[in-house]
Structure formats: structure tokens, C-alpha cells
């Protein structure tokens, strides 16, 4: 029986793109498709993302990834010359769903398989890593998760990508009325810039009554709980295909200040937040201080913005709409997988 197999690399930190693919796999499985996951490390579980899917291991992928390493590093890597036998072999009739950054890896590992490309970051297109001819000859469909990714596909001269918008989990990220004096942020991107801005805000002394809370190494549930506490969220998005953290912060009722990362332009504007020109750290620091002072003086006006932002995000990025778009896409791509069951 043919299956839909999602490749998700072995990652040990919460990454939004992996969560999206896990969610899609679960939805397709619930609709009767034969679905599987595979990774490049044995025993991978993705514990920071709630799911009940079994993750298979494909040593051919790990072996090929290591083949790109310097020889000295390969020789020191256990198992390079004798890969561990696979616990779940990809079969030639399986349809593989491939994130854009792993396109070449999966094509070379499984050249005989049908493949679907999922584009969650436009950088892999605009920097020439994936050319028009390469995509056209190796993938029978392309799915984009945001407007900026769809635009990049169109600029390559390819047929329009199937659009499956991202979904905000309302059970985790919902409007928080009561807020604490907390400024939350994620330090994973722009490390030096994050430290500079946060240290400047602390040093200048205008926000002494606020706690600065980094959201790092947490499960999604822990992130959601912290966003419910936070009045302010600092966005440090960089070259994003979408940028889930600021959207989740808006859904949770935070005042969002910072960088859109380009991909966030589709939801992050002056009506629902405070976008800052990329890299303008001085403007960033001053805007945070200004917004906090405005909230102290007139909380009602900014609380109205918080409600407006949350309502927009939860309406546009609704799980029901995202799921419907995903099922419509795969009805055309892989209808026979379900029909064969």
C-alpha cells in the first residue's frame, strides 16, 4: 500500500516548521490516509511537540548527510561506514513530503519516489538553492504556507503553489485578558542583537518594574503559558517564511513590537502591533519604552489593540481552514493513497 511519508530532520529544539509538518501528518492520518514519518537519527521523538505518530529512522539519509562532511569528521563519526539497519524502509511507491531545505538530500536518497515540496522559507528559492527546472523536474506539486513563499514560487515561473495557510492552535494560544509586567522574547535568532536590545532596555532604567523573560528550550505549552502572562512580546524575526512566534503572541493578547522578518508582513502591521525597520536597534529600544509608557498612561487604547490583533490572527489562521486547504491539496496529489486503503 502506498503511503505519504513526511521527512522531518532530527532536531532537539522547538522549531515551528517541524510542528507544522507533524500537524499535517496527523490531520491526513485522521482522514484515512496511510501516513508515516521518518528522520535521520534513530529514536527521534520530537518531545516538545504534542503528537502520537511513530517516527521511523532511515540510515541512508544520515549516511548521505554525513557524506557532505569533511573526511576527517566522517572518519570520527560512529556508524558512518556501517549504517544501522533501517527500522522502517521507504518503499518506491511512497509519496515523500519534503521541506525545502532538504530537497537535494531526499532526492538523492530516494530518487525513484514521487515527491511533494513544502516551502515554508522563501530564502531557499530566492538565493538560487532551488531553481525552476530543479523543482519542476523533481516534484509533482509545491505547497506554500505563506504569501511570501507563494510569491517566490510565482517569480520562478512555476505554476502557482498550492496554498495551505498556517494554523494557530487556539487551545494553546488564546487571548489573555489579565497580564503581568512581563516582556517576553525568543533569543534563538539574532543572538547578539537580542542581547544588545534587552541589555539596553534594562540599563536605561525605564522598565524596572518589568521582568524580561526569555522563552527558550520550552515546549509549546510552556511557551503558550508564558505568552498568556506577558504584556509585551519582542519579535526578532529574521528572513522568515511567516514567523509563528509573533503571531502566537498576538493571539495570546501580547503587545508585539519588533521585526516582521519579511514573511510576517502579511499579518504584522501598525494596526495590530509595532513593526520596526529591520536592524534599527535604536528605534527598537525607544519604541518598547514608548509603548510601555503609553500603556501605563492609557491602558484601554492599547488593550483594544491587543484584542484586535488576537481576533485577526485567530480568524485568519484558523485550524479548520488550514486543515480544509491541506485536505483539498492532497485530494489531488495523493487521492489514490486513501483510495487504496
C-alpha atoms as a PDB file:
ATOM      1  CA  UNK A   1       0.000   0.000   0.000  1.00  0.00           C
ATOM      2  CA  UNK A   2       1.316   3.451  -0.894  1.00  0.00           C
ATOM      3  CA  UNK A   3       1.901   5.861   1.947  1.00  0.00           C
ATOM      4  CA  UNK A   4       2.511   9.561   2.466  1.00  0.00           C
ATOM      5  CA  UNK A   5       5.824   9.881   4.289  1.00  0.00           C
ATOM      6  CA  UNK A   6       6.951  13.157   5.849  1.00  0.00           C
ATOM      7  CA  UNK A   7      10.681  13.728   6.252  1.00  0.00           C
ATOM      8  CA  UNK A   8      11.447  15.742   9.407  1.00  0.00           C
ATOM      9  CA  UNK A   9      15.105  16.123  10.396  1.00  0.00           C
ATOM     10  CA  UNK A  10      16.352  15.222  13.851  1.00  0.00           C
ATOM     11  CA  UNK A  11      16.171  18.489  15.777  1.00  0.00           C
ATOM     12  CA  UNK A  12      16.449  18.965  19.521  1.00  0.00           C
ATOM     13  CA  UNK A  13      14.895  22.410  19.864  1.00  0.00           C
ATOM     14  CA  UNK A  14      11.356  23.636  19.178  1.00  0.00           C
ATOM     15  CA  UNK A  15      11.153  24.666  15.524  1.00  0.00           C
ATOM     16  CA  UNK A  16       7.852  25.865  14.090  1.00  0.00           C
ATOM     17  CA  UNK A  17       8.343  24.258  10.678  1.00  0.00           C
ATOM     18  CA  UNK A  18       8.666  20.786  12.175  1.00  0.00           C
ATOM     19  CA  UNK A  19       5.494  21.334  14.183  1.00  0.00           C
ATOM     20  CA  UNK A  20       3.593  22.270  11.030  1.00  0.00           C
ATOM     21  CA  UNK A  21       4.630  19.050   9.259  1.00  0.00           C
ATOM     22  CA  UNK A  22       3.752  16.939  12.302  1.00  0.00           C
ATOM     23  CA  UNK A  23       0.334  18.574  12.451  1.00  0.00           C
ATOM     24  CA  UNK A  24      -0.269  17.939   8.743  1.00  0.00           C
ATOM     25  CA  UNK A  25       0.729  14.292   9.081  1.00  0.00           C
ATOM     26  CA  UNK A  26      -1.702  13.863  11.973  1.00  0.00           C
ATOM     27  CA  UNK A  27      -4.555  15.515  10.051  1.00  0.00           C
ATOM     28  CA  UNK A  28      -4.020  13.332   6.987  1.00  0.00           C
ATOM     29  CA  UNK A  29      -3.913  10.229   9.149  1.00  0.00           C
ATOM     30  CA  UNK A  30      -7.197  11.185  10.773  1.00  0.00           C
ATOM     31  CA  UNK A  31      -8.745  11.440   7.302  1.00  0.00           C
ATOM     32  CA  UNK A  32      -7.817   7.879   6.390  1.00  0.00           C
ATOM     33  CA  UNK A  33      -4.536   8.353   4.568  1.00  0.00           C
ATOM     34  CA  UNK A  34      -1.673   5.954   5.231  1.00  0.00           C
ATOM     35  CA  UNK A  35       0.835   8.324   6.812  1.00  0.00           C
ATOM     36  CA  UNK A  36       4.332   7.920   8.205  1.00  0.00           C
ATOM     37  CA  UNK A  37       7.259   9.984   9.453  1.00  0.00           C
ATOM     38  CA  UNK A  38      10.962   9.373   9.102  1.00  0.00           C
ATOM     39  CA  UNK A  39      14.082  11.083  10.340  1.00  0.00           C
ATOM     40  CA  UNK A  40      17.857  10.793  10.032  1.00  0.00           C
ATOM     41  CA  UNK A  41      18.516   9.701  13.618  1.00  0.00           C
ATOM     42  CA  UNK A  42      17.276   6.592  15.468  1.00  0.00           C
ATOM     43  CA  UNK A  43      14.945   7.139  18.385  1.00  0.00           C
ATOM     44  CA  UNK A  44      13.780  10.620  17.352  1.00  0.00           C
ATOM     45  CA  UNK A  45      10.566  11.657  19.160  1.00  0.00           C
ATOM     46  CA  UNK A  46      10.160  15.484  18.981  1.00  0.00           C
ATOM     47  CA  UNK A  47       9.025  15.610  22.634  1.00  0.00           C
ATOM     48  CA  UNK A  48       8.407  19.361  22.619  1.00  0.00           C
ATOM     49  CA  UNK A  49       5.554  18.963  20.094  1.00  0.00           C
ATOM     50  CA  UNK A  50       2.450  17.026  21.137  1.00  0.00           C
ATOM     51  CA  UNK A  51       1.806  14.156  18.703  1.00  0.00           C
ATOM     52  CA  UNK A  52       1.153  10.410  18.730  1.00  0.00           C
ATOM     53  CA  UNK A  53       2.949   9.496  15.495  1.00  0.00           C
ATOM     54  CA  UNK A  54       5.727   6.937  15.213  1.00  0.00           C
ATOM     55  CA  UNK A  55       8.962   8.316  13.780  1.00  0.00           C
ATOM     56  CA  UNK A  56      10.899   5.901  11.598  1.00  0.00           C
ATOM     57  CA  UNK A  57      14.640   6.038  11.003  1.00  0.00           C
ATOM     58  CA  UNK A  58      16.290   5.991   7.582  1.00  0.00           C
ATOM     59  CA  UNK A  59      20.066   5.496   7.812  1.00  0.00           C
ATOM     60  CA  UNK A  60      20.511   6.204   4.098  1.00  0.00           C
ATOM     61  CA  UNK A  61      19.585   9.817   4.826  1.00  0.00           C
ATOM     62  CA  UNK A  62      22.010  10.092   7.722  1.00  0.00           C
ATOM     63  CA  UNK A  63      24.725   8.441   5.652  1.00  0.00           C
ATOM     64  CA  UNK A  64      24.217  10.882   2.785  1.00  0.00           C
ATOM     65  CA  UNK A  65      24.198  13.867   5.150  1.00  0.00           C
ATOM     66  CA  UNK A  66      27.486  12.736   6.632  1.00  0.00           C
ATOM     67  CA  UNK A  67      28.934  12.278   3.149  1.00  0.00           C
ATOM     68  CA  UNK A  68      28.888  16.066   2.814  1.00  0.00           C
ATOM     69  CA  UNK A  69      31.071  16.468   5.910  1.00  0.00           C
ATOM     70  CA  UNK A  70      34.884  16.776   5.757  1.00  0.00           C
ATOM     71  CA  UNK A  71      36.608  13.378   5.554  1.00  0.00           C
ATOM     72  CA  UNK A  72      38.244  13.722   8.993  1.00  0.00           C
ATOM     73  CA  UNK A  73      34.847  14.329  10.602  1.00  0.00           C
ATOM     74  CA  UNK A  74      33.297  11.405   8.731  1.00  0.00           C
ATOM     75  CA  UNK A  75      36.017   9.043   9.910  1.00  0.00           C
ATOM     76  CA  UNK A  76      35.349  10.041  13.510  1.00  0.00           C
ATOM     77  CA  UNK A  77      31.581   9.574  13.263  1.00  0.00           C
ATOM     78  CA  UNK A  78      30.366   6.217  14.648  1.00  0.00           C
ATOM     79  CA  UNK A  79      28.324   4.237  12.160  1.00  0.00           C
ATOM     80  CA  UNK A  80      29.330   6.141   9.045  1.00  0.00           C
ATOM     81  CA  UNK A  81      30.842   3.122   7.319  1.00  0.00           C
ATOM     82  CA  UNK A  82      28.319   0.623   8.725  1.00  0.00           C
ATOM     83  CA  UNK A  83      24.923   2.351   8.930  1.00  0.00           C
ATOM     84  CA  UNK A  84      22.390   0.923  11.374  1.00  0.00           C
ATOM     85  CA  UNK A  85      19.724  -1.162   9.590  1.00  0.00           C
ATOM     86  CA  UNK A  86      16.527   0.763   8.936  1.00  0.00           C
ATOM     87  CA  UNK A  87      13.540   0.263  11.214  1.00  0.00           C
ATOM     88  CA  UNK A  88      11.163   1.493   8.518  1.00  0.00           C
ATOM     89  CA  UNK A  89      12.258   1.359   4.901  1.00  0.00           C
ATOM     90  CA  UNK A  90      10.916   3.906   2.444  1.00  0.00           C
ATOM     91  CA  UNK A  91       9.265   1.976  -0.364  1.00  0.00           C
ATOM     92  CA  UNK A  92       9.414   3.012  -4.030  1.00  0.00           C
ATOM     93  CA  UNK A  93       5.670   3.665  -4.159  1.00  0.00           C
ATOM     94  CA  UNK A  94       5.671   6.018  -1.155  1.00  0.00           C
ATOM     95  CA  UNK A  95       4.973   9.706  -1.692  1.00  0.00           C
ATOM     96  CA  UNK A  96       7.539  11.763   0.246  1.00  0.00           C
ATOM     97  CA  UNK A  97       6.718  15.216   1.603  1.00  0.00           C
ATOM     98  CA  UNK A  98       9.953  17.221   1.636  1.00  0.00           C
ATOM     99  CA  UNK A  99      10.711  20.549   3.384  1.00  0.00           C
ATOM    100  CA  UNK A 100      12.504  22.925   1.038  1.00  0.00           C
ATOM    101  CA  UNK A 101      15.836  22.858   2.873  1.00  0.00           C
ATOM    102  CA  UNK A 102      16.076  19.060   2.487  1.00  0.00           C
ATOM    103  CA  UNK A 103      15.148  18.897  -1.202  1.00  0.00           C
ATOM    104  CA  UNK A 104      18.511  17.733  -2.562  1.00  0.00           C
ATOM    105  CA  UNK A 105      19.115  15.358   0.359  1.00  0.00           C
ATOM    106  CA  UNK A 106      15.843  13.481  -0.135  1.00  0.00           C
ATOM    107  CA  UNK A 107      16.032  13.459  -3.942  1.00  0.00           C
ATOM    108  CA  UNK A 108      19.462  11.850  -3.814  1.00  0.00           C
ATOM    109  CA  UNK A 109      18.448   9.435  -1.068  1.00  0.00           C
ATOM    110  CA  UNK A 110      15.235   8.275  -2.783  1.00  0.00           C
ATOM    111  CA  UNK A 111      15.490   9.153  -6.483  1.00  0.00           C
ATOM    112  CA  UNK A 112      12.699   6.752  -7.521  1.00  0.00           C
ATOM    113  CA  UNK A 113       9.987   8.199  -5.271  1.00  0.00           C
ATOM    114  CA  UNK A 114       7.277  10.729  -6.011  1.00  0.00           C
ATOM    115  CA  UNK A 115       7.804  13.904  -4.015  1.00  0.00           C
ATOM    116  CA  UNK A 116       5.924  16.985  -2.837  1.00  0.00           C
ATOM    117  CA  UNK A 117       7.864  20.117  -1.890  1.00  0.00           C
ATOM    118  CA  UNK A 118       6.727  22.190   1.101  1.00  0.00           C
ATOM    119  CA  UNK A 119       8.053  25.754   1.080  1.00  0.00           C
ATOM    120  CA  UNK A 120       7.996  27.433   4.476  1.00  0.00           C
ATOM    121  CA  UNK A 121      11.014  29.688   3.877  1.00  0.00           C
ATOM    122  CA  UNK A 122      11.455  31.679   0.672  1.00  0.00           C
ATOM    123  CA  UNK A 123      15.227  32.038   1.115  1.00  0.00           C
ATOM    124  CA  UNK A 124      15.791  28.618  -0.449  1.00  0.00           C
ATOM    125  CA  UNK A 125      14.182  29.922  -3.612  1.00  0.00           C
ATOM    126  CA  UNK A 126      15.424  33.490  -3.886  1.00  0.00           C
ATOM    127  CA  UNK A 127      19.064  32.599  -3.177  1.00  0.00           C
ATOM    128  CA  UNK A 128      19.112  30.114  -6.035  1.00  0.00           C
ATOM    129  CA  UNK A 129      19.346  26.923  -3.960  1.00  0.00           C
ATOM    130  CA  UNK A 130      16.253  25.616  -5.723  1.00  0.00           C
ATOM    131  CA  UNK A 131      15.910  26.602  -9.368  1.00  0.00           C
ATOM    132  CA  UNK A 132      12.817  26.469 -11.536  1.00  0.00           C
ATOM    133  CA  UNK A 133      13.994  23.478 -13.577  1.00  0.00           C
ATOM    134  CA  UNK A 134      15.121  21.596 -10.466  1.00  0.00           C
ATOM    135  CA  UNK A 135      11.729  21.957  -8.815  1.00  0.00           C
ATOM    136  CA  UNK A 136       9.770  21.224 -11.987  1.00  0.00           C
ATOM    137  CA  UNK A 137      11.690  18.032 -12.729  1.00  0.00           C
ATOM    138  CA  UNK A 138      11.781  16.617  -9.194  1.00  0.00           C
ATOM    139  CA  UNK A 139       8.458  17.492  -7.579  1.00  0.00           C
ATOM    140  CA  UNK A 140       4.951  16.890  -8.777  1.00  0.00           C
ATOM    141  CA  UNK A 141       3.458  19.566  -6.527  1.00  0.00           C
ATOM    142  CA  UNK A 142       4.566  22.519  -4.417  1.00  0.00           C
ATOM    143  CA  UNK A 143       2.801  23.654  -1.251  1.00  0.00           C
ATOM    144  CA  UNK A 144       3.451  27.112   0.211  1.00  0.00           C
ATOM    145  CA  UNK A 145       2.486  28.124   3.730  1.00  0.00           C
ATOM    146  CA  UNK A 146       2.576  31.909   3.367  1.00  0.00           C
ATOM    147  CA  UNK A 147       2.133  34.709   0.873  1.00  0.00           C
ATOM    148  CA  UNK A 148       5.826  35.483   0.591  1.00  0.00           C
ATOM    149  CA  UNK A 149       6.558  31.831  -0.240  1.00  0.00           C
ATOM    150  CA  UNK A 150       3.778  31.747  -2.831  1.00  0.00           C
ATOM    151  CA  UNK A 151       5.190  34.902  -4.403  1.00  0.00           C
ATOM    152  CA  UNK A 152       8.662  33.368  -4.616  1.00  0.00           C
ATOM    153  CA  UNK A 153       7.272  30.301  -6.412  1.00  0.00           C
ATOM    154  CA  UNK A 154       5.476  32.557  -8.886  1.00  0.00           C
ATOM    155  CA  UNK A 155       8.652  34.569  -9.538  1.00  0.00           C
ATOM    156  CA  UNK A 156      10.400  31.364 -10.608  1.00  0.00           C
ATOM    157  CA  UNK A 157       7.833  30.987 -13.384  1.00  0.00           C
ATOM    158  CA  UNK A 158       6.321  27.835 -11.884  1.00  0.00           C
ATOM    159  CA  UNK A 159       2.603  27.089 -11.714  1.00  0.00           C
ATOM    160  CA  UNK A 160       1.006  28.661  -8.639  1.00  0.00           C
ATOM    161  CA  UNK A 161       1.819  26.790  -5.459  1.00  0.00           C
ATOM    162  CA  UNK A 162      -0.940  25.096  -3.530  1.00  0.00           C
ATOM    163  CA  UNK A 163      -1.542  27.316  -0.511  1.00  0.00           C
ATOM    164  CA  UNK A 164      -2.063  25.803   2.924  1.00  0.00           C
ATOM    165  CA  UNK A 165      -2.074  28.622   5.480  1.00  0.00           C
ATOM    166  CA  UNK A 166      -0.550  28.022   8.871  1.00  0.00           C
ATOM    167  CA  UNK A 167      -2.814  27.408  11.840  1.00  0.00           C
ATOM    168  CA  UNK A 168      -2.686  28.892  15.323  1.00  0.00           C
ATOM    169  CA  UNK A 169      -3.636  26.349  17.966  1.00  0.00           C
ATOM    170  CA  UNK A 170      -6.493  28.025  19.820  1.00  0.00           C
ATOM    171  CA  UNK A 171      -6.297  25.524  22.666  1.00  0.00           C
ATOM    172  CA  UNK A 172      -2.861  26.937  23.484  1.00  0.00           C
ATOM    173  CA  UNK A 173      -2.749  30.472  22.103  1.00  0.00           C
ATOM    174  CA  UNK A 174      -5.872  32.423  23.017  1.00  0.00           C
ATOM    175  CA  UNK A 175      -6.452  35.975  24.187  1.00  0.00           C
ATOM    176  CA  UNK A 176      -5.235  36.669  27.718  1.00  0.00           C
ATOM    177  CA  UNK A 177      -7.134  39.455  29.448  1.00  0.00           C
ATOM    178  CA  UNK A 178      -5.060  39.707  32.624  1.00  0.00           C
ATOM    179  CA  UNK A 179      -1.396  40.402  32.015  1.00  0.00           C
ATOM    180  CA  UNK A 180       1.681  40.628  34.208  1.00  0.00           C
ATOM    181  CA  UNK A 181       4.552  43.088  33.980  1.00  0.00           C
ATOM    182  CA  UNK A 182       6.454  40.706  31.730  1.00  0.00           C
ATOM    183  CA  UNK A 183       8.335  41.321  28.482  1.00  0.00           C
ATOM    184  CA  UNK A 184       8.827  38.013  26.671  1.00  0.00           C
ATOM    185  CA  UNK A 185      11.138  37.249  23.769  1.00  0.00           C
ATOM    186  CA  UNK A 186      12.767  34.342  21.957  1.00  0.00           C
ATOM    187  CA  UNK A 187      16.582  34.509  21.793  1.00  0.00           C
ATOM    188  CA  UNK A 188      17.079  31.819  19.111  1.00  0.00           C
ATOM    189  CA  UNK A 189      17.506  34.308  16.243  1.00  0.00           C
ATOM    190  CA  UNK A 190      19.783  37.386  16.137  1.00  0.00           C
ATOM    191  CA  UNK A 191      21.588  36.422  19.357  1.00  0.00           C
ATOM    192  CA  UNK A 192      23.916  39.432  19.574  1.00  0.00           C
ATOM    193  CA  UNK A 193      21.153  41.867  18.645  1.00  0.00           C
ATOM    194  CA  UNK A 194      18.786  40.355  21.195  1.00  0.00           C
ATOM    195  CA  UNK A 195      21.374  40.780  23.940  1.00  0.00           C
ATOM    196  CA  UNK A 196      22.094  44.356  22.889  1.00  0.00           C
ATOM    197  CA  UNK A 197      18.434  45.402  22.901  1.00  0.00           C
ATOM    198  CA  UNK A 198      17.475  43.607  26.109  1.00  0.00           C
ATOM    199  CA  UNK A 199      20.576  44.860  27.947  1.00  0.00           C
ATOM    200  CA  UNK A 200      19.904  48.425  26.763  1.00  0.00           C
ATOM    201  CA  UNK A 201      16.300  48.269  27.965  1.00  0.00           C
ATOM    202  CA  UNK A 202      17.431  47.055  31.377  1.00  0.00           C
ATOM    203  CA  UNK A 203      20.311  49.539  31.657  1.00  0.00           C
ATOM    204  CA  UNK A 204      18.262  52.615  30.731  1.00  0.00           C
ATOM    205  CA  UNK A 205      16.094  52.033  33.804  1.00  0.00           C
ATOM    206  CA  UNK A 206      12.704  52.967  32.362  1.00  0.00           C
ATOM    207  CA  UNK A 207      11.299  49.456  32.676  1.00  0.00           C
ATOM    208  CA  UNK A 208      12.479  48.490  36.141  1.00  0.00           C
ATOM    209  CA  UNK A 209       9.032  47.187  37.095  1.00  0.00           C
ATOM    210  CA  UNK A 210       9.104  44.657  34.230  1.00  0.00           C
ATOM    211  CA  UNK A 211      10.515  41.149  34.159  1.00  0.00           C
ATOM    212  CA  UNK A 212      12.373  40.190  30.979  1.00  0.00           C
ATOM    213  CA  UNK A 213      11.553  36.563  30.254  1.00  0.00           C
ATOM    214  CA  UNK A 214      13.396  34.585  27.525  1.00  0.00           C
ATOM    215  CA  UNK A 215      11.325  31.780  26.019  1.00  0.00           C
ATOM    216  CA  UNK A 216      13.934  29.176  25.214  1.00  0.00           C
ATOM    217  CA  UNK A 217      14.066  25.380  25.470  1.00  0.00           C
ATOM    218  CA  UNK A 218      10.346  25.186  26.258  1.00  0.00           C
ATOM    219  CA  UNK A 219       7.510  23.029  24.995  1.00  0.00           C
ATOM    220  CA  UNK A 220       4.744  24.748  23.047  1.00  0.00           C
ATOM    221  CA  UNK A 221       2.506  24.511  26.117  1.00  0.00           C
ATOM    222  CA  UNK A 222       5.148  26.256  28.229  1.00  0.00           C
ATOM    223  CA  UNK A 223       5.596  28.958  25.585  1.00  0.00           C
ATOM    224  CA  UNK A 224       1.831  29.478  25.484  1.00  0.00           C
ATOM    225  CA  UNK A 225       1.626  29.802  29.275  1.00  0.00           C
ATOM    226  CA  UNK A 226       4.360  32.432  29.270  1.00  0.00           C
ATOM    227  CA  UNK A 227       2.720  34.376  26.443  1.00  0.00           C
ATOM    228  CA  UNK A 228      -0.516  34.452  28.437  1.00  0.00           C
ATOM    229  CA  UNK A 229       1.461  36.169  31.214  1.00  0.00           C
ATOM    230  CA  UNK A 230       3.359  38.638  29.047  1.00  0.00           C
ATOM    231  CA  UNK A 231       2.072  42.108  28.283  1.00  0.00           C
ATOM    232  CA  UNK A 232       4.803  42.704  25.674  1.00  0.00           C
ATOM    233  CA  UNK A 233       6.453  40.360  23.184  1.00  0.00           C
ATOM    234  CA  UNK A 234       9.652  41.376  21.402  1.00  0.00           C
ATOM    235  CA  UNK A 235       9.805  39.999  17.854  1.00  0.00           C
ATOM    236  CA  UNK A 236      13.252  39.192  16.489  1.00  0.00           C
ATOM    237  CA  UNK A 237      12.118  37.533  13.257  1.00  0.00           C
ATOM    238  CA  UNK A 238      14.743  37.272  10.518  1.00  0.00           C
ATOM    239  CA  UNK A 239      14.200  36.219   6.886  1.00  0.00           C
ATOM    240  CA  UNK A 240      11.059  34.308   7.776  1.00  0.00           C
ATOM    241  CA  UNK A 241       8.642  32.489   5.549  1.00  0.00           C
ATOM    242  CA  UNK A 242       5.964  33.510   8.043  1.00  0.00           C
ATOM    243  CA  UNK A 243       7.185  33.842  11.617  1.00  0.00           C
ATOM    244  CA  UNK A 244       4.926  31.942  14.013  1.00  0.00           C
ATOM    245  CA  UNK A 245       6.103  33.366  17.376  1.00  0.00           C
ATOM    246  CA  UNK A 246       4.833  36.940  16.837  1.00  0.00           C
ATOM    247  CA  UNK A 247       1.527  35.579  15.501  1.00  0.00           C
ATOM    248  CA  UNK A 248       1.143  33.298  18.518  1.00  0.00           C
ATOM    249  CA  UNK A 249       1.997  36.230  20.782  1.00  0.00           C
ATOM    250  CA  UNK A 250      -0.686  38.371  19.137  1.00  0.00           C
ATOM    251  CA  UNK A 251      -3.200  35.563  19.506  1.00  0.00           C
ATOM    252  CA  UNK A 252      -2.300  35.453  23.207  1.00  0.00           C
ATOM    253  CA  UNK A 253      -3.009  39.158  23.650  1.00  0.00           C
ATOM    254  CA  UNK A 254       0.556  40.474  23.783  1.00  0.00           C
ATOM    255  CA  UNK A 255       1.595  43.873  22.502  1.00  0.00           C
ATOM    256  CA  UNK A 256       4.037  42.819  19.780  1.00  0.00           C
ATOM    257  CA  UNK A 257       6.998  45.060  18.973  1.00  0.00           C
ATOM    258  CA  UNK A 258       9.860  44.319  16.606  1.00  0.00           C
ATOM    259  CA  UNK A 259      10.873  42.887  13.259  1.00  0.00           C
ATOM    260  CA  UNK A 260       8.467  41.262  10.815  1.00  0.00           C
ATOM    261  CA  UNK A 261      11.195  39.176   9.170  1.00  0.00           C
ATOM    262  CA  UNK A 262       9.525  39.928   5.783  1.00  0.00           C
ATOM    263  CA  UNK A 263       7.253  36.886   5.986  1.00  0.00           C
ATOM    264  CA  UNK A 264       5.357  38.439   8.870  1.00  0.00           C
ATOM    265  CA  UNK A 265       4.284  41.380   6.718  1.00  0.00           C
ATOM    266  CA  UNK A 266       1.075  39.527   5.883  1.00  0.00           C
ATOM    267  CA  UNK A 267      -0.217  39.883   9.457  1.00  0.00           C
ATOM    268  CA  UNK A 268       2.124  42.225  11.378  1.00  0.00           C
ATOM    269  CA  UNK A 269       1.346  45.887  10.703  1.00  0.00           C
ATOM    270  CA  UNK A 270       0.725  49.100  12.606  1.00  0.00           C
ATOM    271  CA  UNK A 271      -2.937  48.263  13.197  1.00  0.00           C
ATOM    272  CA  UNK A 272      -2.135  45.262  15.372  1.00  0.00           C
ATOM    273  CA  UNK A 273       1.436  45.849  16.537  1.00  0.00           C
ATOM    274  CA  UNK A 274       4.544  47.970  16.311  1.00  0.00           C
ATOM    275  CA  UNK A 275       6.798  46.885  13.424  1.00  0.00           C
ATOM    276  CA  UNK A 276      10.381  48.188  13.474  1.00  0.00           C
ATOM    277  CA  UNK A 277      12.622  48.666  10.421  1.00  0.00           C
ATOM    278  CA  UNK A 278      14.980  45.721  10.232  1.00  0.00           C
ATOM    279  CA  UNK A 279      18.175  46.265  12.195  1.00  0.00           C
ATOM    280  CA  UNK A 280      17.227  49.650  13.659  1.00  0.00           C
ATOM    281  CA  UNK A 281      18.119  48.806  17.251  1.00  0.00           C
ATOM    282  CA  UNK A 282      17.841  52.402  18.482  1.00  0.00           C
ATOM    283  CA  UNK A 283      14.290  52.740  17.188  1.00  0.00           C
ATOM    284  CA  UNK A 284      13.512  49.317  18.641  1.00  0.00           C
ATOM    285  CA  UNK A 285      14.604  50.252  22.179  1.00  0.00           C
ATOM    286  CA  UNK A 286      12.809  53.607  22.102  1.00  0.00           C
ATOM    287  CA  UNK A 287       9.609  52.038  20.780  1.00  0.00           C
ATOM    288  CA  UNK A 288       9.484  49.474  23.587  1.00  0.00           C
ATOM    289  CA  UNK A 289       9.866  52.231  26.176  1.00  0.00           C
ATOM    290  CA  UNK A 290       7.243  54.355  24.411  1.00  0.00           C
ATOM    291  CA  UNK A 291       4.681  51.549  24.209  1.00  0.00           C
ATOM    292  CA  UNK A 292       5.083  50.651  27.877  1.00  0.00           C
ATOM    293  CA  UNK A 293       4.691  54.297  28.860  1.00  0.00           C
ATOM    294  CA  UNK A 294       1.566  54.610  26.692  1.00  0.00           C
ATOM    295  CA  UNK A 295       0.078  51.544  28.364  1.00  0.00           C
ATOM    296  CA  UNK A 296       0.783  52.997  31.796  1.00  0.00           C
ATOM    297  CA  UNK A 297      -0.926  56.270  30.847  1.00  0.00           C
ATOM    298  CA  UNK A 298      -3.886  54.858  28.869  1.00  0.00           C
ATOM    299  CA  UNK A 299      -4.166  51.053  29.029  1.00  0.00           C
ATOM    300  CA  UNK A 300      -7.611  50.996  27.391  1.00  0.00           C
ATOM    301  CA  UNK A 301      -6.321  52.122  23.979  1.00  0.00           C
ATOM    302  CA  UNK A 302      -3.582  49.511  23.796  1.00  0.00           C
ATOM    303  CA  UNK A 303      -5.789  46.809  25.279  1.00  0.00           C
ATOM    304  CA  UNK A 304      -8.114  47.453  22.333  1.00  0.00           C
ATOM    305  CA  UNK A 305      -5.163  46.859  20.010  1.00  0.00           C
ATOM    306  CA  UNK A 306      -4.384  43.605  21.808  1.00  0.00           C
ATOM    307  CA  UNK A 307      -7.943  42.380  21.304  1.00  0.00           C
ATOM    308  CA  UNK A 308      -7.939  43.444  17.655  1.00  0.00           C
ATOM    309  CA  UNK A 309      -4.666  41.647  16.976  1.00  0.00           C
ATOM    310  CA  UNK A 310      -5.800  38.448  18.652  1.00  0.00           C
ATOM    311  CA  UNK A 311      -9.116  38.441  16.802  1.00  0.00           C
ATOM    312  CA  UNK A 312      -7.409  38.940  13.429  1.00  0.00           C
ATOM    313  CA  UNK A 313      -4.871  36.178  13.954  1.00  0.00           C
ATOM    314  CA  UNK A 314      -7.396  33.655  15.244  1.00  0.00           C
ATOM    315  CA  UNK A 315      -9.792  34.382  12.395  1.00  0.00           C
ATOM    316  CA  UNK A 316      -7.314  34.297   9.522  1.00  0.00           C
ATOM    317  CA  UNK A 317      -5.122  31.437  10.764  1.00  0.00           C
ATOM    318  CA  UNK A 318      -7.917  29.136  11.837  1.00  0.00           C
ATOM    319  CA  UNK A 319      -7.081  25.394  12.135  1.00  0.00           C
ATOM    320  CA  UNK A 320     -10.321  24.432  10.388  1.00  0.00           C
ATOM    321  CA  UNK A 321      -9.428  26.494   7.315  1.00  0.00           C
ATOM    322  CA  UNK A 322      -5.847  25.236   7.280  1.00  0.00           C
ATOM    323  CA  UNK A 323      -6.986  21.632   7.556  1.00  0.00           C
ATOM    324  CA  UNK A 324      -9.529  22.063   4.759  1.00  0.00           C
ATOM    325  CA  UNK A 325      -6.846  23.532   2.482  1.00  0.00           C
ATOM    326  CA  UNK A 326      -4.469  20.667   3.283  1.00  0.00           C
ATOM    327  CA  UNK A 327      -7.073  18.011   2.531  1.00  0.00           C
ATOM    328  CA  UNK A 328      -8.024  19.714  -0.721  1.00  0.00           C
ATOM    329  CA  UNK A 329      -4.363  19.775  -1.768  1.00  0.00           C
ATOM    330  CA  UNK A 330      -3.756  16.102  -1.035  1.00  0.00           C
ATOM    331  CA  UNK A 331      -7.038  15.004  -2.585  1.00  0.00           C
ATOM    332  CA  UNK A 332      -5.439  15.988  -5.871  1.00  0.00           C
ATOM    333  CA  UNK A 333      -1.875  14.941  -5.073  1.00  0.00           C
ATOM    334  CA  UNK A 334      -2.421  11.624  -3.323  1.00  0.00           C
ATOM    335  CA  UNK A 335      -6.053  10.639  -3.598  1.00  0.00           C
ATOM    336  CA  UNK A 336      -5.042   7.130  -4.594  1.00  0.00           C
ATOM    337  CA  UNK A 337      -3.235   6.604  -1.270  1.00  0.00           C
ATOM    338  CA  UNK A 338      -6.506   6.941   0.572  1.00  0.00           C
ATOM    339  CA  UNK A 339      -8.474   5.044  -2.076  1.00  0.00           C
ATOM    340  CA  UNK A 340      -6.149   2.052  -1.701  1.00  0.00           C
ATOM    341  CA  UNK A 341      -6.983   1.539   1.956  1.00  0.00           C
END
